[in-house]
Amino acid sequence: MAGGTQTASEYIKHHLQNMTYGQLPDGSWGLAHNAQEAKEMGFMAVHVDTMFWSILLGGFFLWLFRKVAKNATSGTPSGLQNFVEWVVEFIDTSVKGSFHGRNAMVAPMALTIFIWVFLINFMDLIPVDWLPQVAALVGQYVFGMDPHHVYFKVVPSTDPNATFGMALAVFMLSLYFSFKIKGVAGFVGELTLHPFSSSNKIVQLLFVPINLMLELVALIAKPLSLSLRLYGNMFAGEMIFILIALMYGGGWALGIFGGFLQLGWAIFHILIITLQAYIFMVLTIVYMDLAYQTAEEH
């Protein structure tokens, strides 16, 4: 695509646009033909590419780990079994070091988050034009669509809807266990009696609105920071890959230089995608641990 009829600006915008399904201006439902149509679809629009890759990679994770579990042997394990056992042991150690409550769900959830987010991030290492070009050909020859109107992003974590959706699920789960462990009175007390407290009842009453404001800001910041951290890092990484891809349309010398840049950034990006998956997992464990902490432990 970089060497086609698109300008650099059009090329970048095309790669940053999701395949969006929703209600079109004429009242019918279908895929948006441009960014403006996607914007006008509003809240009920669905990013088809984000949903497709998220579900596909989640299914791949479940299939792969189930296959390893079914074929696990106490004899000489395969390389894949060794890798899965190492990952499970690593996650178990991380959970034991950060979560001090008793909940059998936390470790499997941490494993799922780490592998799923890693696989989602890993899609950023696929050359930026390959899968969008395949999607354009399918849209053109199978569905009769204009290939310039076929948008296909392959990295779900570069879509804030996906990262915020995951963060919101973690946030709601931590709220549920906060209410379950501490009760309504304990949860409300946590929001109104900390961080400032006093043995004088009148002074403590004056502290209540201040504590509530500070704690609500901290509470709301949890899903925001969790989602925006992953989105920001992955979006920046994708932008660099897109900018490097533009160099292939600038002649053979610039193309060779771009190839070396792409290889170097891809090697470095392996660290980023792994680190971001790990951070998302660790923060999830920490938020669950905070849900189990009582007022005396704060």
C-alpha atoms as a PDB file:
ATOM      1  CA  MET A   1       0.000   0.000   0.000  1.00  0.00           C
ATOM      2  CA  ALA A   2       2.865   2.339   0.736  1.00  0.00           C
ATOM      3  CA  GLY A   3       3.892   2.312  -2.854  1.00  0.00           C
ATOM      4  CA  GLY A   4       0.366   2.737  -4.249  1.00  0.00           C
ATOM      5  CA  THR A   5      -1.623   5.809  -5.174  1.00  0.00           C
ATOM      6  CA  GLN A   6      -2.132   6.917  -1.557  1.00  0.00           C
ATOM      7  CA  THR A   7      -0.286   9.876  -0.136  1.00  0.00           C
ATOM      8  CA  ALA A   8       1.671   9.410   3.091  1.00  0.00           C
ATOM      9  CA  SER A   9      -1.119  11.064   5.080  1.00  0.00           C
ATOM     10  CA  GLU A  10      -3.813   8.885   3.477  1.00  0.00           C
ATOM     11  CA  TYR A  11      -1.706   5.783   4.055  1.00  0.00           C
ATOM     12  CA  ILE A  12      -1.321   6.521   7.761  1.00  0.00           C
ATOM     13  CA  LYS A  13      -5.005   7.375   8.228  1.00  0.00           C
ATOM     14  CA  HIS A  14      -6.030   4.204   6.400  1.00  0.00           C
ATOM     15  CA  HIS A  15      -3.937   2.048   8.709  1.00  0.00           C
ATOM     16  CA  LEU A  16      -5.273   3.775  11.819  1.00  0.00           C
ATOM     17  CA  GLN A  17      -8.939   3.306  10.868  1.00  0.00           C
ATOM     18  CA  ASN A  18     -10.857   0.315  12.237  1.00  0.00           C
ATOM     19  CA  MET A  19     -13.264  -1.782  10.208  1.00  0.00           C
ATOM     20  CA  THR A  20     -16.451  -0.380  11.746  1.00  0.00           C
ATOM     21  CA  TYR A  21     -19.930  -1.883  11.511  1.00  0.00           C
ATOM     22  CA  GLY A  22     -22.985   0.143  12.417  1.00  0.00           C
ATOM     23  CA  GLN A  23     -25.939   2.160  11.154  1.00  0.00           C
ATOM     24  CA  LEU A  24     -25.200   4.103   7.969  1.00  0.00           C
ATOM     25  CA  PRO A  25     -26.634   7.581   7.193  1.00  0.00           C
ATOM     26  CA  ASP A  26     -29.402   6.044   5.037  1.00  0.00           C
ATOM     27  CA  GLY A  27     -30.645   3.976   7.979  1.00  0.00           C
ATOM     28  CA  SER A  28     -29.233   0.659   6.818  1.00  0.00           C
ATOM     29  CA  TRP A  29     -26.573  -1.312   8.669  1.00  0.00           C
ATOM     30  CA  GLY A  30     -23.183  -2.073   7.209  1.00  0.00           C
ATOM     31  CA  LEU A  31     -19.484  -1.257   7.189  1.00  0.00           C
ATOM     32  CA  ALA A  32     -18.335   2.358   7.280  1.00  0.00           C
ATOM     33  CA  HIS A  33     -16.738   3.586   4.041  1.00  0.00           C
ATOM     34  CA  ASN A  34     -14.662   6.293   5.703  1.00  0.00           C
ATOM     35  CA  ALA A  35     -13.701   7.749   9.068  1.00  0.00           C
ATOM     36  CA  GLN A  36     -16.577  10.234   9.060  1.00  0.00           C
ATOM     37  CA  GLU A  37     -19.188   7.498   8.597  1.00  0.00           C
ATOM     38  CA  ALA A  38     -17.573   5.479  11.379  1.00  0.00           C
ATOM     39  CA  LYS A  39     -17.746   8.492  13.683  1.00  0.00           C
ATOM     40  CA  GLU A  40     -21.419   9.135  12.872  1.00  0.00           C
ATOM     41  CA  MET A  41     -22.325   5.532  13.768  1.00  0.00           C
ATOM     42  CA  GLY A  42     -21.947   6.469  17.415  1.00  0.00           C
ATOM     43  CA  PHE A  43     -21.832   4.242  20.475  1.00  0.00           C
ATOM     44  CA  MET A  44     -23.522   1.201  18.924  1.00  0.00           C
ATOM     45  CA  ALA A  45     -20.820   0.772  16.271  1.00  0.00           C
ATOM     46  CA  VAL A  46     -18.659  -2.352  16.453  1.00  0.00           C
ATOM     47  CA  HIS A  47     -14.986  -2.562  15.498  1.00  0.00           C
ATOM     48  CA  VAL A  48     -15.132  -5.816  13.573  1.00  0.00           C
ATOM     49  CA  ASP A  49     -11.373  -6.253  13.239  1.00  0.00           C
ATOM     50  CA  THR A  50     -10.772  -5.726  16.967  1.00  0.00           C
ATOM     51  CA  MET A  51     -13.484  -8.226  17.882  1.00  0.00           C
ATOM     52  CA  PHE A  52     -12.287 -10.743  15.266  1.00  0.00           C
ATOM     53  CA  TRP A  53      -8.642 -10.813  16.360  1.00  0.00           C
ATOM     54  CA  SER A  54      -9.447 -10.669  20.081  1.00  0.00           C
ATOM     55  CA  ILE A  55     -11.792 -13.661  19.889  1.00  0.00           C
ATOM     56  CA  LEU A  56      -9.549 -15.580  17.482  1.00  0.00           C
ATOM     57  CA  LEU A  57      -6.434 -15.142  19.631  1.00  0.00           C
ATOM     58  CA  GLY A  58      -8.364 -15.901  22.818  1.00  0.00           C
ATOM     59  CA  GLY A  59      -9.639 -19.106  21.208  1.00  0.00           C
ATOM     60  CA  PHE A  60      -6.123 -19.992  20.072  1.00  0.00           C
ATOM     61  CA  PHE A  61      -4.836 -19.587  23.626  1.00  0.00           C
ATOM     62  CA  LEU A  62      -7.553 -21.870  25.034  1.00  0.00           C
ATOM     63  CA  TRP A  63      -7.004 -24.480  22.322  1.00  0.00           C
ATOM     64  CA  LEU A  64      -3.226 -24.507  22.714  1.00  0.00           C
ATOM     65  CA  PHE A  65      -3.164 -24.773  26.510  1.00  0.00           C
ATOM     66  CA  ARG A  66      -5.944 -27.380  26.521  1.00  0.00           C
ATOM     67  CA  LYS A  67      -4.009 -29.434  23.985  1.00  0.00           C
ATOM     68  CA  VAL A  68      -0.858 -29.273  26.114  1.00  0.00           C
ATOM     69  CA  ALA A  69      -2.823 -30.190  29.258  1.00  0.00           C
ATOM     70  CA  LYS A  70      -4.434 -33.214  27.552  1.00  0.00           C
ATOM     71  CA  ASN A  71      -1.108 -34.464  26.182  1.00  0.00           C
ATOM     72  CA  ALA A  72       0.946 -33.693  29.304  1.00  0.00           C
ATOM     73  CA  THR A  73       3.215 -36.515  30.392  1.00  0.00           C
ATOM     74  CA  SER A  74       5.281 -37.200  33.490  1.00  0.00           C
ATOM     75  CA  GLY A  75       8.004 -38.640  31.285  1.00  0.00           C
ATOM     76  CA  THR A  76      10.139 -36.620  28.912  1.00  0.00           C
ATOM     77  CA  PRO A  77       8.008 -33.517  28.175  1.00  0.00           C
ATOM     78  CA  SER A  78       7.901 -31.826  24.801  1.00  0.00           C
ATOM     79  CA  GLY A  79       9.331 -28.381  24.279  1.00  0.00           C
ATOM     80  CA  LEU A  80       5.830 -26.903  24.205  1.00  0.00           C
ATOM     81  CA  GLN A  81       4.905 -28.595  27.478  1.00  0.00           C
ATOM     82  CA  ASN A  82       8.091 -27.291  29.068  1.00  0.00           C
ATOM     83  CA  PHE A  83       7.239 -23.770  27.906  1.00  0.00           C
ATOM     84  CA  VAL A  84       3.641 -23.935  29.187  1.00  0.00           C
ATOM     85  CA  GLU A  85       4.771 -25.328  32.540  1.00  0.00           C
ATOM     86  CA  TRP A  86       7.334 -22.546  32.836  1.00  0.00           C
ATOM     87  CA  VAL A  87       4.680 -19.890  32.077  1.00  0.00           C
ATOM     88  CA  VAL A  88       2.232 -21.408  34.588  1.00  0.00           C
ATOM     89  CA  GLU A  89       4.938 -21.554  37.271  1.00  0.00           C
ATOM     90  CA  PHE A  90       5.934 -17.955  36.519  1.00  0.00           C
ATOM     91  CA  ILE A  91       2.329 -16.754  36.843  1.00  0.00           C
ATOM     92  CA  ASP A  92       1.823 -18.766  40.032  1.00  0.00           C
ATOM     93  CA  THR A  93       4.929 -17.194  41.582  1.00  0.00           C
ATOM     94  CA  SER A  94       3.744 -13.704  40.579  1.00  0.00           C
ATOM     95  CA  VAL A  95       0.321 -14.282  42.135  1.00  0.00           C
ATOM     96  CA  LYS A  96       1.772 -15.656  45.375  1.00  0.00           C
ATOM     97  CA  GLY A  97       4.064 -12.636  45.659  1.00  0.00           C
ATOM     98  CA  SER A  98       1.366  -9.993  45.086  1.00  0.00           C
ATOM     99  CA  PHE A  99      -1.977 -11.481  46.167  1.00  0.00           C
ATOM    100  CA  HIS A 100      -2.434 -12.274  49.846  1.00  0.00           C
ATOM    101  CA  GLY A 101      -6.088 -13.294  49.876  1.00  0.00           C
ATOM    102  CA  ARG A 102      -7.653 -16.662  49.140  1.00  0.00           C
ATOM    103  CA  ASN A 103      -9.305 -16.859  45.722  1.00  0.00           C
ATOM    104  CA  ALA A 104      -8.765 -19.756  43.331  1.00  0.00           C
ATOM    105  CA  MET A 105      -9.811 -17.588  40.389  1.00  0.00           C
ATOM    106  CA  VAL A 106      -6.955 -15.074  40.562  1.00  0.00           C
ATOM    107  CA  ALA A 107      -4.150 -17.294  39.202  1.00  0.00           C
ATOM    108  CA  PRO A 108      -6.127 -18.591  36.166  1.00  0.00           C
ATOM    109  CA  MET A 109      -7.303 -15.034  35.472  1.00  0.00           C
ATOM    110  CA  ALA A 110      -3.719 -13.743  35.634  1.00  0.00           C
ATOM    111  CA  LEU A 111      -2.568 -16.492  33.248  1.00  0.00           C
ATOM    112  CA  THR A 112      -5.374 -15.699  30.815  1.00  0.00           C
ATOM    113  CA  ILE A 113      -4.646 -11.971  30.890  1.00  0.00           C
ATOM    114  CA  PHE A 114      -0.905 -12.390  30.394  1.00  0.00           C
ATOM    115  CA  ILE A 115      -1.118 -14.815  27.449  1.00  0.00           C
ATOM    116  CA  TRP A 116      -4.102 -13.123  25.809  1.00  0.00           C
ATOM    117  CA  VAL A 117      -2.618  -9.609  25.995  1.00  0.00           C
ATOM    118  CA  PHE A 118       0.747 -10.948  24.823  1.00  0.00           C
ATOM    119  CA  LEU A 119      -0.834 -12.605  21.765  1.00  0.00           C
ATOM    120  CA  ILE A 120      -2.821  -9.463  20.992  1.00  0.00           C
ATOM    121  CA  ASN A 121       0.327  -7.344  21.241  1.00  0.00           C
ATOM    122  CA  PHE A 122       2.332  -9.855  19.205  1.00  0.00           C
ATOM    123  CA  MET A 123       0.214  -9.066  16.146  1.00  0.00           C
ATOM    124  CA  ASP A 124       2.142  -5.786  15.979  1.00  0.00           C
ATOM    125  CA  LEU A 125       5.190  -7.739  14.747  1.00  0.00           C
ATOM    126  CA  ILE A 126       3.412  -8.798  11.542  1.00  0.00           C
ATOM    127  CA  PRO A 127       4.366  -6.373   8.716  1.00  0.00           C
ATOM    128  CA  VAL A 128       1.739  -3.629   8.670  1.00  0.00           C
ATOM    129  CA  ASP A 129       0.666  -4.156   5.035  1.00  0.00           C
ATOM    130  CA  TRP A 130       0.331  -7.934   4.837  1.00  0.00           C
ATOM    131  CA  LEU A 131      -3.009  -8.631   6.504  1.00  0.00           C
ATOM    132  CA  PRO A 132      -4.688  -5.344   5.419  1.00  0.00           C
ATOM    133  CA  GLN A 133      -3.789  -6.205   1.797  1.00  0.00           C
ATOM    134  CA  VAL A 134      -5.318  -9.675   2.206  1.00  0.00           C
ATOM    135  CA  ALA A 135      -8.443  -8.083   3.679  1.00  0.00           C
ATOM    136  CA  ALA A 136      -8.612  -5.608   0.773  1.00  0.00           C
ATOM    137  CA  LEU A 137      -8.402  -8.451  -1.760  1.00  0.00           C
ATOM    138  CA  VAL A 138     -11.102 -10.430   0.044  1.00  0.00           C
ATOM    139  CA  GLY A 139     -13.313  -7.355   0.222  1.00  0.00           C
ATOM    140  CA  GLN A 140     -12.802  -6.616  -3.463  1.00  0.00           C
ATOM    141  CA  TYR A 141     -13.160 -10.068  -5.014  1.00  0.00           C
ATOM    142  CA  VAL A 142     -15.486 -11.775  -2.543  1.00  0.00           C
ATOM    143  CA  PHE A 143     -17.745  -8.939  -1.395  1.00  0.00           C
ATOM    144  CA  GLY A 144     -17.333  -6.530  -4.319  1.00  0.00           C
ATOM    145  CA  MET A 145     -16.096  -3.688  -2.109  1.00  0.00           C
ATOM    146  CA  ASP A 146     -13.813  -0.824  -3.055  1.00  0.00           C
ATOM    147  CA  PRO A 147     -10.408  -1.920  -1.632  1.00  0.00           C
ATOM    148  CA  HIS A 148      -9.722   1.671  -0.540  1.00  0.00           C
ATOM    149  CA  HIS A 149     -12.746   1.411   1.777  1.00  0.00           C
ATOM    150  CA  VAL A 150     -11.621  -1.835   3.399  1.00  0.00           C
ATOM    151  CA  TYR A 151     -10.064  -0.979   6.759  1.00  0.00           C
ATOM    152  CA  PHE A 152      -8.388  -3.705   8.775  1.00  0.00           C
ATOM    153  CA  LYS A 153      -6.391  -3.119  11.969  1.00  0.00           C
ATOM    154  CA  VAL A 154      -4.780  -6.278  13.299  1.00  0.00           C
ATOM    155  CA  VAL A 155      -3.574  -5.160  16.746  1.00  0.00           C
ATOM    156  CA  PRO A 156      -6.564  -4.991  19.140  1.00  0.00           C
ATOM    157  CA  SER A 157      -4.505  -3.301  21.865  1.00  0.00           C
ATOM    158  CA  THR A 158      -4.098  -0.244  19.602  1.00  0.00           C
ATOM    159  CA  ASP A 159      -7.868   0.220  19.885  1.00  0.00           C
ATOM    160  CA  PRO A 160      -8.772   2.075  23.120  1.00  0.00           C
ATOM    161  CA  ASN A 161     -12.170   0.361  23.087  1.00  0.00           C
ATOM    162  CA  ALA A 162     -10.446  -2.999  23.585  1.00  0.00           C
ATOM    163  CA  THR A 163      -7.986  -1.905  26.268  1.00  0.00           C
ATOM    164  CA  PHE A 164     -10.619   0.050  28.184  1.00  0.00           C
ATOM    165  CA  GLY A 165     -13.025  -2.898  27.911  1.00  0.00           C
ATOM    166  CA  MET A 166     -10.459  -5.224  29.489  1.00  0.00           C
ATOM    167  CA  ALA A 167      -9.571  -2.681  32.166  1.00  0.00           C
ATOM    168  CA  LEU A 168     -13.245  -2.091  32.946  1.00  0.00           C
ATOM    169  CA  ALA A 169     -13.807  -5.838  33.392  1.00  0.00           C
ATOM    170  CA  VAL A 170     -10.909  -5.985  35.878  1.00  0.00           C
ATOM    171  CA  PHE A 171     -12.225  -2.878  37.646  1.00  0.00           C
ATOM    172  CA  MET A 172     -15.751  -4.270  38.009  1.00  0.00           C
ATOM    173  CA  LEU A 173     -14.344  -7.550  39.301  1.00  0.00           C
ATOM    174  CA  SER A 174     -12.260  -5.754  41.943  1.00  0.00           C
ATOM    175  CA  LEU A 175     -15.320  -3.723  42.989  1.00  0.00           C
ATOM    176  CA  TYR A 176     -17.376  -6.903  43.311  1.00  0.00           C
ATOM    177  CA  PHE A 177     -14.865  -8.533  45.635  1.00  0.00           C
ATOM    178  CA  SER A 178     -14.432  -5.291  47.587  1.00  0.00           C
ATOM    179  CA  PHE A 179     -18.144  -5.315  48.386  1.00  0.00           C
ATOM    180  CA  LYS A 180     -18.097  -9.062  49.045  1.00  0.00           C
ATOM    181  CA  ILE A 181     -15.131  -9.008  51.433  1.00  0.00           C
ATOM    182  CA  LYS A 182     -15.672  -5.675  53.194  1.00  0.00           C
ATOM    183  CA  GLY A 183     -19.412  -5.248  52.912  1.00  0.00           C
ATOM    184  CA  VAL A 184     -21.147  -2.006  51.955  1.00  0.00           C
ATOM    185  CA  ALA A 185     -20.245  -0.309  55.247  1.00  0.00           C
ATOM    186  CA  GLY A 186     -16.595  -1.328  54.962  1.00  0.00           C
ATOM    187  CA  PHE A 187     -16.345  -0.197  51.350  1.00  0.00           C
ATOM    188  CA  VAL A 188     -17.983   3.167  52.068  1.00  0.00           C
ATOM    189  CA  GLY A 189     -15.765   3.592  55.120  1.00  0.00           C
ATOM    190  CA  GLU A 190     -12.718   2.930  52.977  1.00  0.00           C
ATOM    191  CA  LEU A 191     -13.764   5.760  50.670  1.00  0.00           C
ATOM    192  CA  THR A 192     -14.627   8.258  53.398  1.00  0.00           C
ATOM    193  CA  LEU A 193     -12.294   7.546  56.343  1.00  0.00           C
ATOM    194  CA  HIS A 194      -8.965   7.451  54.487  1.00  0.00           C
ATOM    195  CA  PRO A 195      -6.364   8.857  54.009  1.00  0.00           C
ATOM    196  CA  PHE A 196      -7.153  11.585  56.561  1.00  0.00           C
ATOM    197  CA  SER A 197      -8.565  10.518  59.900  1.00  0.00           C
ATOM    198  CA  SER A 198      -9.001  11.913  63.386  1.00  0.00           C
ATOM    199  CA  SER A 199     -10.199  10.661  66.760  1.00  0.00           C
ATOM    200  CA  ASN A 200     -12.332  13.810  66.989  1.00  0.00           C
ATOM    201  CA  LYS A 201     -15.707  13.002  65.446  1.00  0.00           C
ATOM    202  CA  ILE A 202     -16.356  16.567  64.254  1.00  0.00           C
ATOM    203  CA  VAL A 203     -12.954  16.829  62.576  1.00  0.00           C
ATOM    204  CA  GLN A 204     -13.420  13.397  61.029  1.00  0.00           C
ATOM    205  CA  LEU A 205     -16.769  14.510  59.647  1.00  0.00           C
ATOM    206  CA  LEU A 206     -15.042  17.465  57.992  1.00  0.00           C
ATOM    207  CA  PHE A 207     -12.530  15.054  56.444  1.00  0.00           C
ATOM    208  CA  VAL A 208     -15.246  12.897  54.865  1.00  0.00           C
ATOM    209  CA  PRO A 209     -15.822  14.962  51.653  1.00  0.00           C
ATOM    210  CA  ILE A 210     -12.066  15.445  51.190  1.00  0.00           C
ATOM    211  CA  ASN A 211     -11.389  11.732  51.618  1.00  0.00           C
ATOM    212  CA  LEU A 212     -14.271  10.842  49.314  1.00  0.00           C
ATOM    213  CA  MET A 213     -13.001  13.110  46.553  1.00  0.00           C
ATOM    214  CA  LEU A 214      -9.424  11.800  46.817  1.00  0.00           C
ATOM    215  CA  GLU A 215     -10.467   8.139  46.965  1.00  0.00           C
ATOM    216  CA  LEU A 216     -12.921   8.471  44.067  1.00  0.00           C
ATOM    217  CA  VAL A 217     -10.185  10.021  41.912  1.00  0.00           C
ATOM    218  CA  ALA A 218      -7.848   7.167  42.838  1.00  0.00           C
ATOM    219  CA  LEU A 219     -10.602   4.631  42.155  1.00  0.00           C
ATOM    220  CA  ILE A 220     -11.480   6.005  38.736  1.00  0.00           C
ATOM    221  CA  ALA A 221      -7.795   6.332  37.843  1.00  0.00           C
ATOM    222  CA  LYS A 222      -7.318   2.551  38.104  1.00  0.00           C
ATOM    223  CA  PRO A 223      -9.156   1.486  34.915  1.00  0.00           C
ATOM    224  CA  LEU A 224      -8.018   4.624  33.087  1.00  0.00           C
ATOM    225  CA  SER A 225      -4.333   4.066  33.803  1.00  0.00           C
ATOM    226  CA  LEU A 226      -4.611   0.327  33.154  1.00  0.00           C
ATOM    227  CA  SER A 227      -6.193   0.834  29.729  1.00  0.00           C
ATOM    228  CA  LEU A 228      -4.325   3.936  28.564  1.00  0.00           C
ATOM    229  CA  ARG A 229      -0.909   2.546  29.491  1.00  0.00           C
ATOM    230  CA  LEU A 230      -1.390  -0.493  27.245  1.00  0.00           C
ATOM    231  CA  TYR A 231      -3.067   1.488  24.470  1.00  0.00           C
ATOM    232  CA  GLY A 232      -0.484   4.286  24.458  1.00  0.00           C
ATOM    233  CA  ASN A 233       2.537   2.021  24.276  1.00  0.00           C
ATOM    234  CA  MET A 234       1.111  -0.240  21.583  1.00  0.00           C
ATOM    235  CA  PHE A 235      -0.269   2.641  19.518  1.00  0.00           C
ATOM    236  CA  ALA A 236       3.136   4.339  19.563  1.00  0.00           C
ATOM    237  CA  GLY A 237       4.794   1.104  18.479  1.00  0.00           C
ATOM    238  CA  GLU A 238       2.331   0.646  15.612  1.00  0.00           C
ATOM    239  CA  MET A 239       2.892   4.237  14.458  1.00  0.00           C
ATOM    240  CA  ILE A 240       6.629   3.631  14.240  1.00  0.00           C
ATOM    241  CA  PHE A 241       6.077   0.523  12.120  1.00  0.00           C
ATOM    242  CA  ILE A 242       3.741   2.489   9.824  1.00  0.00           C
ATOM    243  CA  LEU A 243       6.251   5.317   9.432  1.00  0.00           C
ATOM    244  CA  ILE A 244       9.024   2.829   8.643  1.00  0.00           C
ATOM    245  CA  ALA A 245       6.771   1.164   6.050  1.00  0.00           C
ATOM    246  CA  LEU A 246       6.451   4.505   4.258  1.00  0.00           C
ATOM    247  CA  MET A 247      10.206   4.393   3.600  1.00  0.00           C
ATOM    248  CA  TYR A 248       9.768   1.434   1.226  1.00  0.00           C
ATOM    249  CA  GLY A 249       8.102   3.782  -1.251  1.00  0.00           C
ATOM    250  CA  GLY A 250      11.089   6.161  -1.296  1.00  0.00           C
ATOM    251  CA  GLY A 251      13.492   4.181  -3.478  1.00  0.00           C
ATOM    252  CA  TRP A 252      15.747   1.175  -2.961  1.00  0.00           C
ATOM    253  CA  ALA A 253      18.301   2.935  -0.720  1.00  0.00           C
ATOM    254  CA  LEU A 254      15.660   4.265   1.643  1.00  0.00           C
ATOM    255  CA  GLY A 255      13.897   0.909   1.470  1.00  0.00           C
ATOM    256  CA  ILE A 256      17.022  -0.990   2.584  1.00  0.00           C
ATOM    257  CA  PHE A 257      17.555   1.481   5.413  1.00  0.00           C
ATOM    258  CA  GLY A 258      13.903   1.056   6.381  1.00  0.00           C
ATOM    259  CA  GLY A 259      14.374  -2.717   6.420  1.00  0.00           C
ATOM    260  CA  PHE A 260      17.188  -2.440   8.968  1.00  0.00           C
ATOM    261  CA  LEU A 261      15.126  -0.014  11.034  1.00  0.00           C
ATOM    262  CA  GLN A 262      12.149  -2.358  10.953  1.00  0.00           C
ATOM    263  CA  LEU A 263      14.249  -5.323  12.060  1.00  0.00           C
ATOM    264  CA  GLY A 264      15.811  -3.352  14.916  1.00  0.00           C
ATOM    265  CA  TRP A 265      12.488  -1.951  16.098  1.00  0.00           C
ATOM    266  CA  ALA A 266      10.835  -5.396  15.873  1.00  0.00           C
ATOM    267  CA  ILE A 267      13.538  -6.936  18.083  1.00  0.00           C
ATOM    268  CA  PHE A 268      13.163  -4.130  20.625  1.00  0.00           C
ATOM    269  CA  HIS A 269       9.367  -4.290  20.360  1.00  0.00           C
ATOM    270  CA  ILE A 270       9.383  -7.927  21.543  1.00  0.00           C
ATOM    271  CA  LEU A 271      10.437  -6.567  24.938  1.00  0.00           C
ATOM    272  CA  ILE A 272       7.685  -3.940  24.863  1.00  0.00           C
ATOM    273  CA  ILE A 273       4.837  -6.336  24.019  1.00  0.00           C
ATOM    274  CA  THR A 274       5.973  -8.770  26.722  1.00  0.00           C
ATOM    275  CA  LEU A 275       6.454  -6.029  29.313  1.00  0.00           C
ATOM    276  CA  GLN A 276       3.034  -4.519  28.635  1.00  0.00           C
ATOM    277  CA  ALA A 277       1.336  -7.904  29.020  1.00  0.00           C
ATOM    278  CA  TYR A 278       3.212  -8.456  32.289  1.00  0.00           C
ATOM    279  CA  ILE A 279       2.331  -4.988  33.641  1.00  0.00           C
ATOM    280  CA  PHE A 280      -1.356  -5.454  32.805  1.00  0.00           C
ATOM    281  CA  MET A 281      -1.322  -8.812  34.597  1.00  0.00           C
ATOM    282  CA  VAL A 282       0.559  -7.544  37.679  1.00  0.00           C
ATOM    283  CA  LEU A 283      -1.714  -4.520  38.094  1.00  0.00           C
ATOM    284  CA  THR A 284      -4.740  -6.811  37.855  1.00  0.00           C
ATOM    285  CA  ILE A 285      -3.325  -8.947  40.680  1.00  0.00           C
ATOM    286  CA  VAL A 286      -2.553  -5.843  42.744  1.00  0.00           C
ATOM    287  CA  TYR A 287      -6.079  -4.459  42.278  1.00  0.00           C
ATOM    288  CA  MET A 288      -7.522  -7.804  43.376  1.00  0.00           C
ATOM    289  CA  ASP A 289      -5.237  -7.779  46.407  1.00  0.00           C
ATOM    290  CA  LEU A 290      -6.438  -4.275  47.318  1.00  0.00           C
ATOM    291  CA  ALA A 291     -10.014  -5.521  47.129  1.00  0.00           C
ATOM    292  CA  TYR A 292      -9.172  -8.043  49.850  1.00  0.00           C
ATOM    293  CA  GLN A 293      -7.406  -5.583  52.142  1.00  0.00           C
ATOM    294  CA  THR A 294      -9.384  -4.415  55.160  1.00  0.00           C
ATOM    295  CA  ALA A 295      -9.221  -0.936  56.685  1.00  0.00           C
ATOM    296  CA  GLU A 296      -6.594  -2.057  59.224  1.00  0.00           C
ATOM    297  CA  GLU A 297      -4.239  -3.064  56.384  1.00  0.00           C
ATOM    298  CA  HIS A 298      -4.414   0.300  54.548  1.00  0.00           C
END
